[in-house]
Amino acid sequence: MILKDLCSYLDSAIPLSFQEGYDNSGLQIGLPEKKISSAIITVDVTEQVVEEAITKKCDVIISHHPLIFGSLKRLGGSDSTQRTIVKAIKNDIAIYSAHTN
């Protein structure tokens, strides 16, 4: 399967147009043309969840709460959100969130 096809399916089942104005649902990390074969589902994306995805060879993390929420000013690894993003990108793991939609 291609990531953009999964995103299209999720967007049709839980439309992004339903999300609150402050929210950041949808594909947060990942290239739409990426081939995917397995996913992990979680409430929150944490460093531990990314580690589990790496261990289980999952290509996608589908979460309820967005990992990127509010303004992100840098990716230097100085907090857990930054470290989680960097680890997901380094390991080519896509992240899709469905919060208020």
C-alpha atoms as a PDB file:
ATOM      1  CA  MET A   1       0.000   0.000   0.000  1.00  0.00           C
ATOM      2  CA  ILE A   2       1.081   3.592  -0.552  1.00  0.00           C
ATOM      3  CA  LEU A   3       0.926   6.045   2.369  1.00  0.00           C
ATOM      4  CA  LYS A   4      -1.217   8.521   0.443  1.00  0.00           C
ATOM      5  CA  ASP A   5      -3.817   5.751  -0.087  1.00  0.00           C
ATOM      6  CA  LEU A   6      -3.976   5.113   3.661  1.00  0.00           C
ATOM      7  CA  CYS A   7      -4.293   8.864   4.256  1.00  0.00           C
ATOM      8  CA  SER A   8      -7.106   9.086   1.679  1.00  0.00           C
ATOM      9  CA  TYR A   9      -8.943   6.218   3.346  1.00  0.00           C
ATOM     10  CA  LEU A  10      -8.582   7.758   6.809  1.00  0.00           C
ATOM     11  CA  ASP A  11      -9.562  11.198   5.499  1.00  0.00           C
ATOM     12  CA  SER A  12     -12.741   9.741   3.971  1.00  0.00           C
ATOM     13  CA  ALA A  13     -13.644   7.823   7.141  1.00  0.00           C
ATOM     14  CA  ILE A  14     -12.772  10.666   9.539  1.00  0.00           C
ATOM     15  CA  PRO A  15     -12.732  13.874   7.477  1.00  0.00           C
ATOM     16  CA  LEU A  16     -10.070  16.438   8.280  1.00  0.00           C
ATOM     17  CA  SER A  17     -12.689  19.115   7.605  1.00  0.00           C
ATOM     18  CA  PHE A  18     -14.314  18.147  10.924  1.00  0.00           C
ATOM     19  CA  GLN A  19     -11.285  19.048  13.032  1.00  0.00           C
ATOM     20  CA  GLU A  20     -11.300  22.102  15.282  1.00  0.00           C
ATOM     21  CA  GLY A  21      -9.483  25.172  13.982  1.00  0.00           C
ATOM     22  CA  TYR A  22      -6.681  24.843  16.548  1.00  0.00           C
ATOM     23  CA  ASP A  23      -6.021  21.195  15.761  1.00  0.00           C
ATOM     24  CA  ASN A  24      -3.314  19.531  13.664  1.00  0.00           C
ATOM     25  CA  SER A  25      -4.796  16.263  12.430  1.00  0.00           C
ATOM     26  CA  GLY A  26      -3.673  14.379   9.341  1.00  0.00           C
ATOM     27  CA  LEU A  27      -0.284  13.318   8.023  1.00  0.00           C
ATOM     28  CA  GLN A  28       2.358  14.967  10.199  1.00  0.00           C
ATOM     29  CA  ILE A  29       5.492  13.124   9.122  1.00  0.00           C
ATOM     30  CA  GLY A  30       6.123  11.107   5.988  1.00  0.00           C
ATOM     31  CA  LEU A  31       6.248  11.275   2.232  1.00  0.00           C
ATOM     32  CA  PRO A  32       2.888  10.473   0.594  1.00  0.00           C
ATOM     33  CA  GLU A  33       4.500   8.183  -2.021  1.00  0.00           C
ATOM     34  CA  LYS A  34       6.126   5.934   0.623  1.00  0.00           C
ATOM     35  CA  LYS A  35       5.296   2.233   0.394  1.00  0.00           C
ATOM     36  CA  ILE A  36       3.916   0.913   3.686  1.00  0.00           C
ATOM     37  CA  SER A  37       3.060  -2.539   4.970  1.00  0.00           C
ATOM     38  CA  SER A  38       2.289  -2.265   8.692  1.00  0.00           C
ATOM     39  CA  ALA A  39       1.094   0.238  11.271  1.00  0.00           C
ATOM     40  CA  ILE A  40       0.898   0.695  14.999  1.00  0.00           C
ATOM     41  CA  ILE A  41      -2.019   2.526  16.662  1.00  0.00           C
ATOM     42  CA  THR A  42      -1.611   4.611  19.818  1.00  0.00           C
ATOM     43  CA  VAL A  43      -3.174   7.430  21.806  1.00  0.00           C
ATOM     44  CA  ASP A  44       0.067   9.436  22.100  1.00  0.00           C
ATOM     45  CA  VAL A  45       3.231   9.330  20.003  1.00  0.00           C
ATOM     46  CA  THR A  46       6.206   9.029  22.351  1.00  0.00           C
ATOM     47  CA  GLU A  47       9.829   8.010  21.998  1.00  0.00           C
ATOM     48  CA  GLN A  48       8.826   4.591  23.336  1.00  0.00           C
ATOM     49  CA  VAL A  49       6.102   4.200  20.696  1.00  0.00           C
ATOM     50  CA  VAL A  50       8.596   5.045  17.937  1.00  0.00           C
ATOM     51  CA  GLU A  51      11.000   2.468  19.441  1.00  0.00           C
ATOM     52  CA  GLU A  52       8.201  -0.114  19.385  1.00  0.00           C
ATOM     53  CA  ALA A  53       7.447   0.749  15.747  1.00  0.00           C
ATOM     54  CA  ILE A  54      11.134   0.274  14.919  1.00  0.00           C
ATOM     55  CA  THR A  55      11.267  -3.071  16.755  1.00  0.00           C
ATOM     56  CA  LYS A  56       8.069  -4.322  15.088  1.00  0.00           C
ATOM     57  CA  LYS A  57       9.119  -2.933  11.681  1.00  0.00           C
ATOM     58  CA  CYS A  58       6.024  -0.717  11.394  1.00  0.00           C
ATOM     59  CA  ASP A  59       6.039   1.926   8.665  1.00  0.00           C
ATOM     60  CA  VAL A  60       3.289   4.118  10.118  1.00  0.00           C
ATOM     61  CA  ILE A  61       2.137   5.291  13.525  1.00  0.00           C
ATOM     62  CA  ILE A  62      -1.539   6.264  13.693  1.00  0.00           C
ATOM     63  CA  SER A  63      -2.288   8.300  16.803  1.00  0.00           C
ATOM     64  CA  HIS A  64      -5.159  10.111  18.425  1.00  0.00           C
ATOM     65  CA  HIS A  65      -3.130  13.034  19.771  1.00  0.00           C
ATOM     66  CA  PRO A  66      -0.965  14.954  17.284  1.00  0.00           C
ATOM     67  CA  LEU A  67       2.769  14.824  17.919  1.00  0.00           C
ATOM     68  CA  ILE A  68       3.244  18.232  16.299  1.00  0.00           C
ATOM     69  CA  PHE A  69       0.868  20.601  18.056  1.00  0.00           C
ATOM     70  CA  GLY A  70       1.428  24.331  18.330  1.00  0.00           C
ATOM     71  CA  SER A  71       4.516  26.035  17.034  1.00  0.00           C
ATOM     72  CA  LEU A  72       7.604  23.955  16.503  1.00  0.00           C
ATOM     73  CA  LYS A  73      10.640  26.212  16.261  1.00  0.00           C
ATOM     74  CA  ARG A  74      13.521  23.734  15.943  1.00  0.00           C
ATOM     75  CA  LEU A  75      14.464  20.065  15.749  1.00  0.00           C
ATOM     76  CA  GLY A  76      17.594  19.975  17.862  1.00  0.00           C
ATOM     77  CA  GLY A  77      16.493  17.162  20.141  1.00  0.00           C
ATOM     78  CA  SER A  78      16.241  19.338  23.244  1.00  0.00           C
ATOM     79  CA  ASP A  79      12.871  17.900  24.320  1.00  0.00           C
ATOM     80  CA  SER A  80      10.961  14.647  23.935  1.00  0.00           C
ATOM     81  CA  THR A  81       8.801  15.925  21.064  1.00  0.00           C
ATOM     82  CA  GLN A  82      11.854  16.942  19.054  1.00  0.00           C
ATOM     83  CA  ARG A  83      13.642  13.665  19.797  1.00  0.00           C
ATOM     84  CA  THR A  84      10.540  11.686  18.805  1.00  0.00           C
ATOM     85  CA  ILE A  85      10.224  13.557  15.505  1.00  0.00           C
ATOM     86  CA  VAL A  86      13.914  13.127  14.681  1.00  0.00           C
ATOM     87  CA  LYS A  87      13.797   9.402  15.530  1.00  0.00           C
ATOM     88  CA  ALA A  88      10.704   8.870  13.362  1.00  0.00           C
ATOM     89  CA  ILE A  89      12.275  10.712  10.419  1.00  0.00           C
ATOM     90  CA  LYS A  90      15.626   8.887  10.761  1.00  0.00           C
ATOM     91  CA  ASN A  91      13.794   5.559  10.727  1.00  0.00           C
ATOM     92  CA  ASP A  92      11.422   6.523   7.891  1.00  0.00           C
ATOM     93  CA  ILE A  93       8.311   6.114  10.050  1.00  0.00           C
ATOM     94  CA  ALA A  94       5.265   8.130   9.001  1.00  0.00           C
ATOM     95  CA  ILE A  95       2.935   9.651  11.596  1.00  0.00           C
ATOM     96  CA  TYR A  96      -0.769  10.300  11.032  1.00  0.00           C
ATOM     97  CA  SER A  97      -3.002  11.785  13.729  1.00  0.00           C
ATOM     98  CA  ALA A  98      -6.786  11.937  14.044  1.00  0.00           C
ATOM     99  CA  HIS A  99      -7.685  14.158  16.988  1.00  0.00           C
ATOM    100  CA  THR A 100     -10.831  16.298  16.861  1.00  0.00           C
ATOM    101  CA  ASN A 101     -11.949  15.133  13.412  1.00  0.00           C
END
